[in-house]
Amino acid sequence: MIKKILKWIPALIVAGCNFYLSSQQHLEHMPGFWNADKVVHFFCFAGFSFWLAFACNIKSYKKFWLPTLIISLWAITDEIHQSFTPGRDASVLDWLSDTCGAALGAVIFVWVTTKLLPAFVARIKANKRA
């Protein structure tokens, strides 16, 4: 039971950071290139989705949609929240970037747990036998 609760900590930390950053009127240290905020949204929400997939124990590409959907809905509320923050606004393109990042994060989590980690563990076991 404790292990299941602890699995949620990374996703909750990311959610808290996201909420805090969405409350800021202006963010320092943002990249200066064109549409940089979309790239930042994409990668931040990819990480968020990765940790949500971890918390939800997603182990199949058929189920990657679950964290993607949850993060996409979170992103809608995030954009609404930003619309009430002075100096910020809601953007459909930000939401789209968030959702695409969420899909990638969930797919990467499934790849890591179904392909990368088993191969790594097999290699370690093979080296111990040698």
C-alpha atoms as a PDB file:
ATOM      1  CA  MET A   1       0.000   0.000   0.000  1.00  0.00           C
ATOM      2  CA  ILE A   2       2.789   2.452   0.915  1.00  0.00           C
ATOM      3  CA  LYS A   3       4.608   1.611  -2.315  1.00  0.00           C
ATOM      4  CA  LYS A   4       1.504   2.526  -4.363  1.00  0.00           C
ATOM      5  CA  ILE A   5       1.231   5.863  -2.559  1.00  0.00           C
ATOM      6  CA  LEU A   6       4.941   6.625  -2.967  1.00  0.00           C
ATOM      7  CA  LYS A   7       4.698   6.042  -6.744  1.00  0.00           C
ATOM      8  CA  TRP A   8       2.512   9.167  -6.967  1.00  0.00           C
ATOM      9  CA  ILE A   9       5.076  11.504  -5.395  1.00  0.00           C
ATOM     10  CA  PRO A  10       6.982  12.406  -8.623  1.00  0.00           C
ATOM     11  CA  ALA A  11       3.745  13.174 -10.524  1.00  0.00           C
ATOM     12  CA  LEU A  12       2.422  15.249  -7.621  1.00  0.00           C
ATOM     13  CA  ILE A  13       5.670  17.217  -7.421  1.00  0.00           C
ATOM     14  CA  VAL A  14       5.469  17.986 -11.147  1.00  0.00           C
ATOM     15  CA  ALA A  15       1.788  18.957 -10.763  1.00  0.00           C
ATOM     16  CA  GLY A  16       2.670  21.323  -7.922  1.00  0.00           C
ATOM     17  CA  CYS A  17       5.515  22.897  -9.905  1.00  0.00           C
ATOM     18  CA  ASN A  18       3.210  23.281 -12.898  1.00  0.00           C
ATOM     19  CA  PHE A  19       0.546  24.999 -10.797  1.00  0.00           C
ATOM     20  CA  TYR A  20       3.111  27.304  -9.202  1.00  0.00           C
ATOM     21  CA  LEU A  21       4.670  28.284 -12.534  1.00  0.00           C
ATOM     22  CA  SER A  22       1.250  28.879 -14.085  1.00  0.00           C
ATOM     23  CA  SER A  23       0.529  31.327 -11.272  1.00  0.00           C
ATOM     24  CA  GLN A  24       3.523  33.516 -12.117  1.00  0.00           C
ATOM     25  CA  GLN A  25       2.966  36.701 -14.104  1.00  0.00           C
ATOM     26  CA  HIS A  26       6.302  36.399 -15.851  1.00  0.00           C
ATOM     27  CA  LEU A  27       8.748  33.532 -16.009  1.00  0.00           C
ATOM     28  CA  GLU A  28      12.446  34.324 -15.910  1.00  0.00           C
ATOM     29  CA  HIS A  29      14.995  32.351 -17.942  1.00  0.00           C
ATOM     30  CA  MET A  30      12.707  31.280 -20.764  1.00  0.00           C
ATOM     31  CA  PRO A  31      14.483  30.463 -24.033  1.00  0.00           C
ATOM     32  CA  GLY A  32      14.373  33.336 -26.505  1.00  0.00           C
ATOM     33  CA  PHE A  33      13.650  31.587 -29.797  1.00  0.00           C
ATOM     34  CA  TRP A  34      10.361  31.716 -31.692  1.00  0.00           C
ATOM     35  CA  ASN A  35       7.610  29.642 -30.017  1.00  0.00           C
ATOM     36  CA  ALA A  36       9.978  28.611 -27.232  1.00  0.00           C
ATOM     37  CA  ASP A  37       7.041  28.422 -24.840  1.00  0.00           C
ATOM     38  CA  LYS A  38       5.497  25.641 -26.963  1.00  0.00           C
ATOM     39  CA  VAL A  39       8.720  23.631 -26.744  1.00  0.00           C
ATOM     40  CA  VAL A  40       8.880  24.173 -22.975  1.00  0.00           C
ATOM     41  CA  HIS A  41       5.221  23.129 -22.655  1.00  0.00           C
ATOM     42  CA  PHE A  42       5.881  20.018 -24.762  1.00  0.00           C
ATOM     43  CA  PHE A  43       8.821  18.758 -22.706  1.00  0.00           C
ATOM     44  CA  CYS A  44       7.413  19.692 -19.296  1.00  0.00           C
ATOM     45  CA  PHE A  45       4.162  17.887 -19.991  1.00  0.00           C
ATOM     46  CA  ALA A  46       6.055  14.920 -21.461  1.00  0.00           C
ATOM     47  CA  GLY A  47       7.828  14.586 -18.122  1.00  0.00           C
ATOM     48  CA  PHE A  48       4.554  15.022 -16.250  1.00  0.00           C
ATOM     49  CA  SER A  49       2.964  12.244 -18.325  1.00  0.00           C
ATOM     50  CA  PHE A  50       5.987   9.972 -17.837  1.00  0.00           C
ATOM     51  CA  TRP A  51       5.602  10.184 -14.060  1.00  0.00           C
ATOM     52  CA  LEU A  52       1.831   9.816 -14.254  1.00  0.00           C
ATOM     53  CA  ALA A  53       2.278   6.649 -16.344  1.00  0.00           C
ATOM     54  CA  PHE A  54       4.662   5.432 -13.625  1.00  0.00           C
ATOM     55  CA  ALA A  55       2.075   6.162 -10.923  1.00  0.00           C
ATOM     56  CA  CYS A  56      -0.699   4.452 -12.921  1.00  0.00           C
ATOM     57  CA  ASN A  57       1.556   1.454 -13.676  1.00  0.00           C
ATOM     58  CA  ILE A  58       1.010   1.650 -17.449  1.00  0.00           C
ATOM     59  CA  LYS A  59       2.766  -1.340 -19.042  1.00  0.00           C
ATOM     60  CA  SER A  60       1.267  -1.476 -22.517  1.00  0.00           C
ATOM     61  CA  TYR A  61       1.206   0.762 -25.563  1.00  0.00           C
ATOM     62  CA  LYS A  62      -2.537   0.050 -25.685  1.00  0.00           C
ATOM     63  CA  LYS A  63      -2.945   1.974 -22.421  1.00  0.00           C
ATOM     64  CA  PHE A  64      -0.710   4.980 -23.110  1.00  0.00           C
ATOM     65  CA  TRP A  65      -3.886   6.973 -23.783  1.00  0.00           C
ATOM     66  CA  LEU A  66      -4.800   7.050 -20.063  1.00  0.00           C
ATOM     67  CA  PRO A  67      -2.006   9.339 -18.829  1.00  0.00           C
ATOM     68  CA  THR A  68      -2.264  11.271 -22.110  1.00  0.00           C
ATOM     69  CA  LEU A  69      -5.963  11.939 -21.517  1.00  0.00           C
ATOM     70  CA  ILE A  70      -5.473  12.857 -17.853  1.00  0.00           C
ATOM     71  CA  ILE A  71      -2.630  15.250 -18.676  1.00  0.00           C
ATOM     72  CA  SER A  72      -4.605  16.746 -21.578  1.00  0.00           C
ATOM     73  CA  LEU A  73      -7.493  17.477 -19.200  1.00  0.00           C
ATOM     74  CA  TRP A  74      -5.032  18.905 -16.668  1.00  0.00           C
ATOM     75  CA  ALA A  75      -3.621  21.103 -19.450  1.00  0.00           C
ATOM     76  CA  ILE A  76      -7.099  22.507 -20.138  1.00  0.00           C
ATOM     77  CA  THR A  77      -7.454  23.483 -16.489  1.00  0.00           C
ATOM     78  CA  ASP A  78      -3.906  24.872 -16.580  1.00  0.00           C
ATOM     79  CA  GLU A  79      -4.779  27.128 -19.512  1.00  0.00           C
ATOM     80  CA  ILE A  80      -7.958  28.296 -17.757  1.00  0.00           C
ATOM     81  CA  HIS A  81      -5.896  28.990 -14.634  1.00  0.00           C
ATOM     82  CA  GLN A  82      -3.404  31.019 -16.697  1.00  0.00           C
ATOM     83  CA  SER A  83      -6.253  33.090 -18.151  1.00  0.00           C
ATOM     84  CA  PHE A  84      -6.897  34.441 -14.637  1.00  0.00           C
ATOM     85  CA  THR A  85      -3.209  35.205 -14.002  1.00  0.00           C
ATOM     86  CA  PRO A  86      -2.255  38.815 -14.837  1.00  0.00           C
ATOM     87  CA  GLY A  87       0.187  38.930 -17.751  1.00  0.00           C
ATOM     88  CA  ARG A  88      -0.725  35.399 -18.904  1.00  0.00           C
ATOM     89  CA  ASP A  89      -3.340  34.082 -21.293  1.00  0.00           C
ATOM     90  CA  ALA A  90      -4.914  30.806 -22.337  1.00  0.00           C
ATOM     91  CA  SER A  91      -3.746  29.304 -25.615  1.00  0.00           C
ATOM     92  CA  VAL A  92      -5.119  26.398 -27.622  1.00  0.00           C
ATOM     93  CA  LEU A  93      -1.639  25.944 -29.097  1.00  0.00           C
ATOM     94  CA  ASP A  94      -0.171  25.598 -25.605  1.00  0.00           C
ATOM     95  CA  TRP A  95      -2.801  22.954 -24.828  1.00  0.00           C
ATOM     96  CA  LEU A  96      -2.017  21.138 -28.070  1.00  0.00           C
ATOM     97  CA  SER A  97       1.699  21.217 -27.251  1.00  0.00           C
ATOM     98  CA  ASP A  98       0.941  19.926 -23.733  1.00  0.00           C
ATOM     99  CA  THR A  99      -1.149  17.055 -25.116  1.00  0.00           C
ATOM    100  CA  CYS A 100       1.442  16.051 -27.722  1.00  0.00           C
ATOM    101  CA  GLY A 101       4.124  16.101 -25.039  1.00  0.00           C
ATOM    102  CA  ALA A 102       1.895  13.999 -22.791  1.00  0.00           C
ATOM    103  CA  ALA A 103       1.498  11.360 -25.508  1.00  0.00           C
ATOM    104  CA  LEU A 104       5.268  11.214 -26.022  1.00  0.00           C
ATOM    105  CA  GLY A 105       5.944  10.986 -22.280  1.00  0.00           C
ATOM    106  CA  ALA A 106       3.546   8.064 -21.880  1.00  0.00           C
ATOM    107  CA  VAL A 107       4.993   6.242 -24.903  1.00  0.00           C
ATOM    108  CA  ILE A 108       8.538   6.759 -23.610  1.00  0.00           C
ATOM    109  CA  PHE A 109       7.532   5.346 -20.219  1.00  0.00           C
ATOM    110  CA  VAL A 110       6.079   2.212 -21.835  1.00  0.00           C
ATOM    111  CA  TRP A 111       9.203   1.846 -24.001  1.00  0.00           C
ATOM    112  CA  VAL A 112      11.500   2.209 -21.003  1.00  0.00           C
ATOM    113  CA  THR A 113       9.586  -0.335 -18.912  1.00  0.00           C
ATOM    114  CA  THR A 114       8.907  -2.904 -21.649  1.00  0.00           C
ATOM    115  CA  LYS A 115      12.068  -2.698 -23.773  1.00  0.00           C
ATOM    116  CA  LEU A 116      14.915  -0.757 -22.201  1.00  0.00           C
ATOM    117  CA  LEU A 117      14.799  -1.996 -18.595  1.00  0.00           C
ATOM    118  CA  PRO A 118      14.341  -5.697 -19.455  1.00  0.00           C
ATOM    119  CA  ALA A 119      17.291  -5.511 -21.868  1.00  0.00           C
ATOM    120  CA  PHE A 120      19.387  -3.744 -19.227  1.00  0.00           C
ATOM    121  CA  VAL A 121      18.507  -6.323 -16.562  1.00  0.00           C
ATOM    122  CA  ALA A 122      19.258  -9.203 -18.963  1.00  0.00           C
ATOM    123  CA  ARG A 123      22.654  -7.676 -19.741  1.00  0.00           C
ATOM    124  CA  ILE A 124      23.502  -7.333 -16.056  1.00  0.00           C
ATOM    125  CA  LYS A 125      22.499 -10.961 -15.409  1.00  0.00           C
ATOM    126  CA  ALA A 126      24.599 -12.122 -18.369  1.00  0.00           C
ATOM    127  CA  ASN A 127      27.618 -10.211 -17.060  1.00  0.00           C
ATOM    128  CA  LYS A 128      27.230 -11.765 -13.588  1.00  0.00           C
ATOM    129  CA  ARG A 129      27.301 -15.249 -15.099  1.00  0.00           C
ATOM    130  CA  ALA A 130      30.408 -14.518 -17.143  1.00  0.00           C
END
